Amino acid sequence: MNLKKLSMDELHRDHPEDFKQKTKIKLFFVADHIRSGHNIGSLFRIADAFGMSGVLICGYKIDLQHPEVKKTALGAQNTVGWKYFKDPMECIEYLKIEKIKIIGVEQTNQSQTLDALVIDSEESYALILGNEIDGISEEILEKIDLFVEIPQYGTKHSLNVSVAAGIVAWEFMKKMKY
């Protein structure tokens, strides 16, 4: 067997300008008061990998050229569309006006498991990911359409923001049949 890793040319990836023009899956990340540049950079990289529509950053303003962001995003912060909202409620109102279904990635008494979630590929979705310590802001919890949680079977009750984002985005991508 002649096994080898594929080169960048063999992967046939889009050039940044081509990627910006490409039709995207109707899925957004919303970073609600996420502080870590590594987590923000990861959201951009995941959004790029899955051809998502963009990243909406709420609350904490982060410099997308910060070394932590650049280290994990690997340039995706320059190709994936994004918006900043100082007030998370402004972001929620924007999503409602745009008719984007708002999904909180959070453990609540109304959460359903990610694997049980039914996705309509004709809809647009925003995945709200909360602060690394406090989760989704209390002020926007009541404005979220529904909640999903990732089933976990160990002793810990949460995952890192970027890990959760990757799992949830992959599940949406499969169900939206990109």
N, C-alpha and C. Protein backbone atom coordinates (compact mmCIF):
# COMPACT_ATOMS: atom_id res chain seq x y z
N MET A 1 0.85 -1.18 0.00
CA MET A 1 0.00 0.00 0.00
C MET A 1 0.89 1.24 0.00
N ASN A 2 0.57 2.19 -0.85
CA ASN A 2 1.36 3.40 -1.00
C ASN A 2 0.61 4.58 -0.37
N LEU A 3 0.58 4.63 0.95
CA LEU A 3 -0.15 5.66 1.70
C LEU A 3 0.65 6.95 1.73
N LYS A 4 -0.04 8.08 1.50
CA LYS A 4 0.61 9.38 1.63
C LYS A 4 -0.43 10.43 2.00
N LYS A 5 0.03 11.44 2.68
CA LYS A 5 -0.84 12.58 2.99
C LYS A 5 -1.03 13.39 1.71
N LEU A 6 -2.21 13.99 1.60
CA LEU A 6 -2.47 14.84 0.44
C LEU A 6 -1.79 16.20 0.63
N SER A 7 -1.28 16.73 -0.45
CA SER A 7 -0.68 18.07 -0.42
C SER A 7 -1.79 19.11 -0.47
N MET A 8 -1.44 20.35 -0.21
CA MET A 8 -2.42 21.45 -0.29
C MET A 8 -3.04 21.52 -1.69
N ASP A 9 -2.23 21.34 -2.72
CA ASP A 9 -2.76 21.36 -4.09
C ASP A 9 -3.75 20.22 -4.32
N GLU A 10 -3.45 19.05 -3.80
CA GLU A 10 -4.32 17.88 -3.97
C GLU A 10 -5.64 18.01 -3.21
N LEU A 11 -5.67 18.86 -2.18
CA LEU A 11 -6.90 19.08 -1.42
C LEU A 11 -7.89 19.98 -2.15
N HIS A 12 -7.41 20.70 -3.15
CA HIS A 12 -8.26 21.57 -3.98
C HIS A 12 -9.08 22.57 -3.15
N ARG A 13 -8.44 23.25 -2.23
CA ARG A 13 -9.11 24.24 -1.39
C ARG A 13 -9.29 25.53 -2.18
N ASP A 14 -10.35 26.26 -1.83
CA ASP A 14 -10.60 27.55 -2.46
C ASP A 14 -9.52 28.55 -2.08
N HIS A 15 -9.24 29.46 -2.98
CA HIS A 15 -8.40 30.60 -2.64
C HIS A 15 -9.28 31.55 -1.82
N PRO A 16 -8.69 32.35 -0.94
CA PRO A 16 -9.49 33.22 -0.06
C PRO A 16 -10.54 34.06 -0.79
N GLU A 17 -10.20 34.65 -1.92
CA GLU A 17 -11.18 35.48 -2.63
C GLU A 17 -12.32 34.65 -3.21
N ASP A 18 -12.01 33.44 -3.66
CA ASP A 18 -13.05 32.55 -4.17
C ASP A 18 -13.97 32.10 -3.04
N PHE A 19 -13.37 31.81 -1.88
CA PHE A 19 -14.16 31.38 -0.72
C PHE A 19 -15.14 32.47 -0.29
N LYS A 20 -14.71 33.72 -0.32
CA LYS A 20 -15.58 34.83 0.09
C LYS A 20 -16.82 34.91 -0.80
N GLN A 21 -16.69 34.54 -2.07
CA GLN A 21 -17.80 34.62 -3.02
C GLN A 21 -18.69 33.38 -3.04
N LYS A 22 -18.21 32.31 -2.46
CA LYS A 22 -18.90 31.03 -2.48
C LYS A 22 -20.19 31.06 -1.65
N THR A 23 -21.21 30.33 -2.09
CA THR A 23 -22.44 30.19 -1.31
C THR A 23 -22.13 29.44 -0.02
N LYS A 24 -22.64 29.96 1.09
CA LYS A 24 -22.34 29.39 2.41
C LYS A 24 -23.56 28.67 2.97
N ILE A 25 -23.29 27.75 3.89
CA ILE A 25 -24.35 27.10 4.64
C ILE A 25 -24.99 28.17 5.53
N LYS A 26 -26.31 28.12 5.70
CA LYS A 26 -27.04 29.17 6.43
C LYS A 26 -26.92 28.95 7.94
N LEU A 27 -25.69 29.11 8.42
CA LEU A 27 -25.39 28.84 9.82
C LEU A 27 -24.36 29.85 10.30
N PHE A 28 -24.63 30.44 11.47
CA PHE A 28 -23.75 31.44 12.08
C PHE A 28 -23.35 30.99 13.48
N PHE A 29 -22.18 31.39 13.91
CA PHE A 29 -21.81 31.32 15.32
C PHE A 29 -22.08 32.69 15.93
N VAL A 30 -22.58 32.69 17.17
CA VAL A 30 -22.69 33.92 17.95
C VAL A 30 -21.84 33.72 19.20
N ALA A 31 -20.82 34.54 19.34
CA ALA A 31 -19.91 34.48 20.50
C ALA A 31 -20.42 35.47 21.54
N ASP A 32 -21.09 34.96 22.56
CA ASP A 32 -21.68 35.79 23.61
C ASP A 32 -20.69 35.95 24.77
N HIS A 33 -20.03 37.10 24.80
CA HIS A 33 -19.07 37.42 25.86
C HIS A 33 -17.94 36.40 25.98
N ILE A 34 -17.48 35.88 24.86
CA ILE A 34 -16.35 34.95 24.88
C ILE A 34 -15.07 35.78 24.94
N ARG A 35 -14.24 35.45 25.91
CA ARG A 35 -13.04 36.24 26.18
C ARG A 35 -11.78 35.73 25.48
N SER A 36 -11.67 34.44 25.30
CA SER A 36 -10.43 33.84 24.82
C SER A 36 -10.22 34.07 23.32
N GLY A 37 -9.08 34.62 23.00
CA GLY A 37 -8.72 34.78 21.60
C GLY A 37 -8.60 33.44 20.90
N HIS A 38 -8.17 32.42 21.64
CA HIS A 38 -8.07 31.07 21.06
C HIS A 38 -9.46 30.56 20.68
N ASN A 39 -10.45 30.78 21.55
CA ASN A 39 -11.82 30.34 21.23
C ASN A 39 -12.38 31.11 20.05
N ILE A 40 -12.18 32.43 20.02
CA ILE A 40 -12.68 33.24 18.89
C ILE A 40 -12.01 32.79 17.60
N GLY A 41 -10.70 32.61 17.63
CA GLY A 41 -9.99 32.14 16.44
C GLY A 41 -10.50 30.79 15.97
N SER A 42 -10.79 29.92 16.92
CA SER A 42 -11.33 28.59 16.57
C SER A 42 -12.69 28.70 15.92
N LEU A 43 -13.54 29.62 16.39
CA LEU A 43 -14.85 29.79 15.76
C LEU A 43 -14.69 30.18 14.30
N PHE A 44 -13.75 31.06 14.02
CA PHE A 44 -13.51 31.46 12.62
C PHE A 44 -13.00 30.28 11.80
N ARG A 45 -12.11 29.51 12.38
CA ARG A 45 -11.54 28.38 11.65
C ARG A 45 -12.58 27.31 11.37
N ILE A 46 -13.45 27.04 12.35
CA ILE A 46 -14.53 26.07 12.15
C ILE A 46 -15.51 26.59 11.10
N ALA A 47 -15.86 27.87 11.20
CA ALA A 47 -16.78 28.47 10.23
C ALA A 47 -16.21 28.37 8.82
N ASP A 48 -14.92 28.58 8.68
CA ASP A 48 -14.27 28.45 7.38
C ASP A 48 -14.32 27.00 6.91
N ALA A 49 -13.97 26.07 7.79
CA ALA A 49 -13.91 24.65 7.41
C ALA A 49 -15.25 24.13 6.90
N PHE A 50 -16.34 24.60 7.51
CA PHE A 50 -17.66 24.10 7.14
C PHE A 50 -18.42 25.04 6.20
N GLY A 51 -17.78 26.11 5.76
CA GLY A 51 -18.44 27.02 4.82
C GLY A 51 -19.64 27.70 5.42
N MET A 52 -19.53 28.11 6.69
CA MET A 52 -20.63 28.78 7.39
C MET A 52 -20.75 30.24 6.96
N SER A 53 -21.91 30.84 7.23
CA SER A 53 -22.18 32.20 6.80
C SER A 53 -21.41 33.26 7.58
N GLY A 54 -21.06 33.00 8.83
CA GLY A 54 -20.30 34.02 9.55
C GLY A 54 -20.26 33.83 11.05
N VAL A 55 -19.57 34.77 11.68
CA VAL A 55 -19.40 34.80 13.13
C VAL A 55 -19.87 36.18 13.63
N LEU A 56 -20.74 36.16 14.62
CA LEU A 56 -21.23 37.39 15.25
C LEU A 56 -20.64 37.44 16.65
N ILE A 57 -19.94 38.52 16.95
CA ILE A 57 -19.27 38.66 18.24
C ILE A 57 -20.04 39.67 19.07
N CYS A 58 -20.41 39.28 20.30
CA CYS A 58 -21.21 40.13 21.18
C CYS A 58 -20.48 40.37 22.50
N GLY A 59 -20.64 41.57 23.03
CA GLY A 59 -20.08 41.87 24.34
C GLY A 59 -18.64 42.26 24.24
N TYR A 60 -17.76 41.36 24.64
CA TYR A 60 -16.32 41.66 24.60
C TYR A 60 -15.87 41.88 23.18
N LYS A 61 -15.18 42.99 22.97
CA LYS A 61 -14.63 43.25 21.65
C LYS A 61 -13.21 42.71 21.63
N ILE A 62 -12.91 41.96 20.63
CA ILE A 62 -11.59 41.35 20.53
C ILE A 62 -10.94 41.76 19.21
N ASP A 63 -9.67 42.01 19.25
CA ASP A 63 -8.91 42.36 18.06
C ASP A 63 -8.65 41.09 17.26
N LEU A 64 -9.21 41.03 16.07
CA LEU A 64 -9.07 39.82 15.26
C LEU A 64 -7.65 39.61 14.75
N GLN A 65 -6.79 40.60 14.94
CA GLN A 65 -5.38 40.42 14.58
C GLN A 65 -4.52 40.12 15.82
N HIS A 66 -5.17 39.90 16.97
CA HIS A 66 -4.46 39.54 18.19
C HIS A 66 -3.75 38.20 17.95
N PRO A 67 -2.54 38.02 18.51
CA PRO A 67 -1.79 36.77 18.29
C PRO A 67 -2.56 35.49 18.63
N GLU A 68 -3.38 35.51 19.69
CA GLU A 68 -4.15 34.30 20.04
C GLU A 68 -5.17 33.97 18.96
N VAL A 69 -5.84 34.98 18.44
CA VAL A 69 -6.82 34.76 17.37
C VAL A 69 -6.11 34.25 16.12
N LYS A 70 -5.05 34.94 15.74
CA LYS A 70 -4.33 34.58 14.52
C LYS A 70 -3.75 33.16 14.60
N LYS A 71 -3.31 32.77 15.80
CA LYS A 71 -2.70 31.44 15.98
C LYS A 71 -3.70 30.32 15.68
N THR A 72 -4.96 30.49 16.11
CA THR A 72 -5.94 29.43 15.91
C THR A 72 -6.75 29.61 14.63
N ALA A 73 -7.00 30.84 14.23
CA ALA A 73 -7.81 31.08 13.02
C ALA A 73 -7.03 30.77 11.74
N LEU A 74 -5.73 30.94 11.77
CA LEU A 74 -4.88 30.71 10.60
C LEU A 74 -5.37 31.46 9.36
N GLY A 75 -5.83 32.68 9.55
CA GLY A 75 -6.27 33.51 8.43
C GLY A 75 -7.76 33.48 8.17
N ALA A 76 -8.50 32.56 8.82
CA ALA A 76 -9.95 32.47 8.59
C ALA A 76 -10.67 33.73 9.05
N GLN A 77 -10.07 34.49 9.98
CA GLN A 77 -10.68 35.74 10.42
C GLN A 77 -10.70 36.77 9.29
N ASN A 78 -9.95 36.50 8.23
CA ASN A 78 -9.91 37.41 7.07
C ASN A 78 -10.81 36.94 5.93
N THR A 79 -11.35 35.73 6.02
CA THR A 79 -12.17 35.21 4.93
C THR A 79 -13.62 34.96 5.34
N VAL A 80 -13.86 34.74 6.62
CA VAL A 80 -15.22 34.48 7.11
C VAL A 80 -15.86 35.82 7.49
N GLY A 81 -17.10 36.03 7.05
CA GLY A 81 -17.80 37.26 7.38
C GLY A 81 -18.07 37.35 8.87
N TRP A 82 -18.08 38.58 9.41
CA TRP A 82 -18.34 38.76 10.84
C TRP A 82 -18.92 40.13 11.11
N LYS A 83 -19.57 40.24 12.27
CA LYS A 83 -20.11 41.52 12.76
C LYS A 83 -19.86 41.57 14.26
N TYR A 84 -19.74 42.78 14.76
CA TYR A 84 -19.58 42.99 16.20
C TYR A 84 -20.79 43.75 16.73
N PHE A 85 -21.32 43.29 17.86
CA PHE A 85 -22.41 43.96 18.58
C PHE A 85 -21.95 44.17 20.02
N LYS A 86 -21.87 45.42 20.44
CA LYS A 86 -21.48 45.68 21.83
C LYS A 86 -22.51 45.08 22.78
N ASP A 87 -23.78 45.25 22.44
CA ASP A 87 -24.88 44.76 23.27
C ASP A 87 -25.44 43.47 22.66
N PRO A 88 -25.39 42.35 23.38
CA PRO A 88 -25.92 41.09 22.84
C PRO A 88 -27.38 41.18 22.41
N MET A 89 -28.17 42.04 23.07
CA MET A 89 -29.58 42.19 22.68
C MET A 89 -29.71 42.76 21.26
N GLU A 90 -28.78 43.61 20.86
CA GLU A 90 -28.78 44.13 19.49
C GLU A 90 -28.55 42.99 18.50
N CYS A 91 -27.69 42.07 18.86
CA CYS A 91 -27.43 40.90 18.01
C CYS A 91 -28.68 40.05 17.89
N ILE A 92 -29.34 39.80 19.02
CA ILE A 92 -30.57 39.00 19.02
C ILE A 92 -31.63 39.66 18.14
N GLU A 93 -31.78 40.97 18.26
CA GLU A 93 -32.76 41.70 17.43
C GLU A 93 -32.39 41.59 15.95
N TYR A 94 -31.11 41.70 15.63
CA TYR A 94 -30.64 41.55 14.25
C TYR A 94 -31.04 40.17 13.72
N LEU A 95 -30.79 39.12 14.51
CA LEU A 95 -31.12 37.75 14.09
C LEU A 95 -32.62 37.59 13.87
N LYS A 96 -33.42 38.17 14.77
CA LYS A 96 -34.88 38.08 14.64
C LYS A 96 -35.35 38.78 13.36
N ILE A 97 -34.82 39.97 13.10
CA ILE A 97 -35.19 40.71 11.89
C ILE A 97 -34.83 39.91 10.64
N GLU A 98 -33.68 39.26 10.67
CA GLU A 98 -33.22 38.47 9.52
C GLU A 98 -33.89 37.09 9.43
N LYS A 99 -34.79 36.80 10.41
CA LYS A 99 -35.51 35.52 10.45
C LYS A 99 -34.56 34.32 10.57
N ILE A 100 -33.56 34.49 11.39
CA ILE A 100 -32.59 33.43 11.66
C ILE A 100 -32.98 32.78 12.98
N LYS A 101 -33.19 31.48 12.97
CA LYS A 101 -33.58 30.75 14.17
C LYS A 101 -32.40 30.71 15.15
N ILE A 102 -32.67 31.05 16.39
CA ILE A 102 -31.62 31.19 17.40
C ILE A 102 -31.58 29.96 18.30
N ILE A 103 -30.44 29.27 18.26
CA ILE A 103 -30.23 28.04 19.01
C ILE A 103 -29.16 28.29 20.07
N GLY A 104 -29.52 28.10 21.33
CA GLY A 104 -28.55 28.22 22.42
C GLY A 104 -27.88 26.88 22.67
N VAL A 105 -26.56 26.89 22.67
CA VAL A 105 -25.81 25.68 23.02
C VAL A 105 -25.55 25.78 24.53
N GLU A 106 -26.47 25.20 25.29
CA GLU A 106 -26.46 25.40 26.75
C GLU A 106 -27.27 24.29 27.40
N GLN A 107 -26.87 23.93 28.60
CA GLN A 107 -27.62 22.95 29.39
C GLN A 107 -28.68 23.70 30.19
N THR A 108 -29.95 23.52 29.80
CA THR A 108 -31.07 24.14 30.50
C THR A 108 -32.12 23.06 30.77
N ASN A 109 -33.14 23.44 31.52
CA ASN A 109 -34.23 22.49 31.76
C ASN A 109 -35.09 22.28 30.52
N GLN A 110 -34.81 23.02 29.45
CA GLN A 110 -35.56 22.87 28.20
C GLN A 110 -34.68 22.41 27.03
N SER A 111 -33.45 22.05 27.32
CA SER A 111 -32.53 21.63 26.24
C SER A 111 -32.93 20.26 25.71
N GLN A 112 -32.71 20.09 24.42
CA GLN A 112 -32.82 18.77 23.82
C GLN A 112 -31.43 18.34 23.39
N THR A 113 -31.23 17.05 23.29
CA THR A 113 -29.91 16.59 22.90
C THR A 113 -29.67 16.90 21.42
N LEU A 114 -28.43 17.20 21.11
CA LEU A 114 -28.06 17.58 19.75
C LEU A 114 -28.46 16.52 18.73
N ASP A 115 -28.29 15.27 19.08
CA ASP A 115 -28.61 14.20 18.13
C ASP A 115 -30.12 14.09 17.86
N ALA A 116 -30.95 14.58 18.76
CA ALA A 116 -32.41 14.52 18.57
C ALA A 116 -32.96 15.74 17.84
N LEU A 117 -32.15 16.75 17.66
CA LEU A 117 -32.60 18.00 17.04
C LEU A 117 -32.96 17.79 15.58
N VAL A 118 -34.13 18.29 15.19
CA VAL A 118 -34.56 18.24 13.79
C VAL A 118 -34.20 19.57 13.14
N ILE A 119 -33.52 19.50 12.03
CA ILE A 119 -33.05 20.68 11.31
C ILE A 119 -33.79 20.78 9.98
N ASP A 120 -34.25 21.97 9.64
CA ASP A 120 -34.87 22.24 8.35
C ASP A 120 -33.81 22.91 7.48
N SER A 121 -33.36 22.26 6.44
CA SER A 121 -32.27 22.79 5.62
C SER A 121 -32.64 24.08 4.90
N GLU A 122 -33.91 24.44 4.89
CA GLU A 122 -34.33 25.70 4.27
C GLU A 122 -34.21 26.88 5.24
N GLU A 123 -34.07 26.59 6.52
CA GLU A 123 -33.96 27.64 7.56
C GLU A 123 -32.53 28.12 7.70
N SER A 124 -32.40 29.29 8.31
CA SER A 124 -31.09 29.82 8.71
C SER A 124 -31.01 29.71 10.22
N TYR A 125 -29.81 29.40 10.73
CA TYR A 125 -29.63 29.18 12.17
C TYR A 125 -28.44 29.97 12.70
N ALA A 126 -28.57 30.38 13.96
CA ALA A 126 -27.47 30.99 14.69
C ALA A 126 -27.25 30.17 15.95
N LEU A 127 -26.02 29.74 16.16
CA LEU A 127 -25.66 28.96 17.33
C LEU A 127 -25.02 29.88 18.36
N ILE A 128 -25.72 30.11 19.47
CA ILE A 128 -25.20 30.98 20.53
C ILE A 128 -24.28 30.16 21.42
N LEU A 129 -23.05 30.61 21.54
CA LEU A 129 -22.05 29.99 22.42
C LEU A 129 -21.70 31.00 23.50
N GLY A 130 -21.81 30.59 24.75
CA GLY A 130 -21.63 31.52 25.86
C GLY A 130 -20.22 31.61 26.40
N ASN A 131 -20.08 32.52 27.33
CA ASN A 131 -18.82 32.77 28.03
C ASN A 131 -18.24 31.48 28.62
N GLU A 132 -16.93 31.42 28.64
CA GLU A 132 -16.21 30.22 29.08
C GLU A 132 -16.55 29.81 30.52
N ILE A 133 -16.92 30.73 31.36
CA ILE A 133 -17.25 30.42 32.76
C ILE A 133 -18.76 30.43 33.01
N ASP A 134 -19.42 31.49 32.55
CA ASP A 134 -20.83 31.71 32.89
C ASP A 134 -21.84 31.20 31.87
N GLY A 135 -21.38 30.78 30.71
CA GLY A 135 -22.31 30.32 29.68
C GLY A 135 -23.02 31.49 29.01
N ILE A 136 -24.18 31.23 28.46
CA ILE A 136 -24.96 32.25 27.75
C ILE A 136 -25.49 33.26 28.76
N SER A 137 -25.45 34.54 28.38
CA SER A 137 -25.91 35.64 29.24
C SER A 137 -27.36 35.45 29.66
N GLU A 138 -27.62 35.70 30.91
CA GLU A 138 -28.99 35.62 31.44
C GLU A 138 -29.93 36.53 30.65
N GLU A 139 -29.44 37.70 30.23
CA GLU A 139 -30.30 38.67 29.55
C GLU A 139 -30.85 38.17 28.23
N ILE A 140 -30.17 37.23 27.59
CA ILE A 140 -30.68 36.78 26.29
C ILE A 140 -31.29 35.38 26.32
N LEU A 141 -31.20 34.69 27.44
CA LEU A 141 -31.75 33.33 27.52
C LEU A 141 -33.20 33.26 27.06
N GLU A 142 -34.03 34.18 27.52
CA GLU A 142 -35.46 34.15 27.20
C GLU A 142 -35.75 34.46 25.73
N LYS A 143 -34.78 35.01 25.02
CA LYS A 143 -34.97 35.39 23.61
C LYS A 143 -34.56 34.29 22.64
N ILE A 144 -33.99 33.22 23.17
CA ILE A 144 -33.49 32.13 22.33
C ILE A 144 -34.64 31.19 21.98
N ASP A 145 -34.69 30.74 20.72
CA ASP A 145 -35.79 29.91 20.24
C ASP A 145 -35.78 28.50 20.84
N LEU A 146 -34.63 27.90 20.92
CA LEU A 146 -34.52 26.58 21.55
C LEU A 146 -33.08 26.31 21.93
N PHE A 147 -32.92 25.30 22.79
CA PHE A 147 -31.60 24.97 23.32
C PHE A 147 -31.23 23.54 22.98
N VAL A 148 -29.93 23.35 22.70
CA VAL A 148 -29.39 22.01 22.50
C VAL A 148 -28.22 21.82 23.44
N GLU A 149 -28.03 20.56 23.79
CA GLU A 149 -26.84 20.22 24.56
C GLU A 149 -26.22 18.97 23.95
N ILE A 150 -24.93 18.86 24.13
CA ILE A 150 -24.18 17.72 23.63
C ILE A 150 -24.21 16.64 24.72
N PRO A 151 -24.71 15.45 24.41
CA PRO A 151 -24.72 14.39 25.43
C PRO A 151 -23.29 14.11 25.92
N GLN A 152 -23.15 14.00 27.23
CA GLN A 152 -21.86 13.73 27.84
C GLN A 152 -22.03 12.64 28.88
N TYR A 153 -21.04 11.76 28.98
CA TYR A 153 -21.19 10.58 29.82
C TYR A 153 -20.09 10.44 30.87
N GLY A 154 -19.24 11.43 30.99
CA GLY A 154 -18.15 11.38 31.95
C GLY A 154 -18.47 12.16 33.22
N THR A 155 -17.44 12.57 33.91
CA THR A 155 -17.61 13.28 35.18
C THR A 155 -17.68 14.79 35.02
N LYS A 156 -17.27 15.31 33.89
CA LYS A 156 -17.30 16.76 33.65
C LYS A 156 -18.65 17.13 33.05
N HIS A 157 -19.05 18.37 33.26
CA HIS A 157 -20.37 18.79 32.79
C HIS A 157 -20.32 19.75 31.61
N SER A 158 -19.12 20.00 31.07
CA SER A 158 -19.04 20.93 29.95
C SER A 158 -17.83 20.61 29.09
N LEU A 159 -17.81 21.23 27.93
CA LEU A 159 -16.70 21.13 26.99
C LEU A 159 -16.16 22.53 26.73
N ASN A 160 -14.95 22.61 26.25
CA ASN A 160 -14.40 23.90 25.84
C ASN A 160 -15.27 24.48 24.73
N VAL A 161 -15.38 25.80 24.69
CA VAL A 161 -16.21 26.48 23.69
C VAL A 161 -15.88 26.00 22.27
N SER A 162 -14.60 25.95 21.94
CA SER A 162 -14.25 25.59 20.57
C SER A 162 -14.57 24.14 20.26
N VAL A 163 -14.43 23.26 21.23
CA VAL A 163 -14.77 21.84 21.02
C VAL A 163 -16.28 21.71 20.80
N ALA A 164 -17.06 22.34 21.67
CA ALA A 164 -18.52 22.31 21.53
C ALA A 164 -18.95 22.89 20.19
N ALA A 165 -18.33 23.99 19.79
CA ALA A 165 -18.67 24.62 18.51
C ALA A 165 -18.44 23.68 17.34
N GLY A 166 -17.32 22.97 17.36
CA GLY A 166 -17.01 22.04 16.27
C GLY A 166 -18.00 20.89 16.20
N ILE A 167 -18.36 20.36 17.36
CA ILE A 167 -19.31 19.24 17.41
C ILE A 167 -20.68 19.69 16.89
N VAL A 168 -21.16 20.81 17.39
CA VAL A 168 -22.49 21.29 17.01
C VAL A 168 -22.52 21.69 15.53
N ALA A 169 -21.50 22.38 15.07
CA ALA A 169 -21.46 22.79 13.66
C ALA A 169 -21.45 21.58 12.73
N TRP A 170 -20.70 20.55 13.09
CA TRP A 170 -20.65 19.34 12.27
C TRP A 170 -22.03 18.68 12.20
N GLU A 171 -22.71 18.61 13.34
CA GLU A 171 -24.05 18.00 13.36
C GLU A 171 -25.02 18.80 12.48
N PHE A 172 -24.95 20.13 12.57
CA PHE A 172 -25.81 20.96 11.73
C PHE A 172 -25.46 20.76 10.26
N MET A 173 -24.19 20.73 9.95
CA MET A 173 -23.77 20.58 8.57
C MET A 173 -24.28 19.26 7.99
N LYS A 174 -24.18 18.18 8.75
CA LYS A 174 -24.68 16.89 8.27
C LYS A 174 -26.20 16.96 8.02
N LYS A 175 -26.92 17.58 8.95
CA LYS A 175 -28.37 17.61 8.83
C LYS A 175 -28.85 18.61 7.79
N MET A 176 -28.06 19.62 7.51
CA MET A 176 -28.45 20.60 6.50
C MET A 176 -28.04 20.15 5.10
N LYS A 177 -27.29 19.06 5.02
CA LYS A 177 -26.87 18.46 3.75
C LYS A 177 -26.23 19.47 2.82
N TYR A 178 -25.17 20.08 3.31
CA TYR A 178 -24.42 21.12 2.59
C TYR A 178 -23.91 20.64 1.27
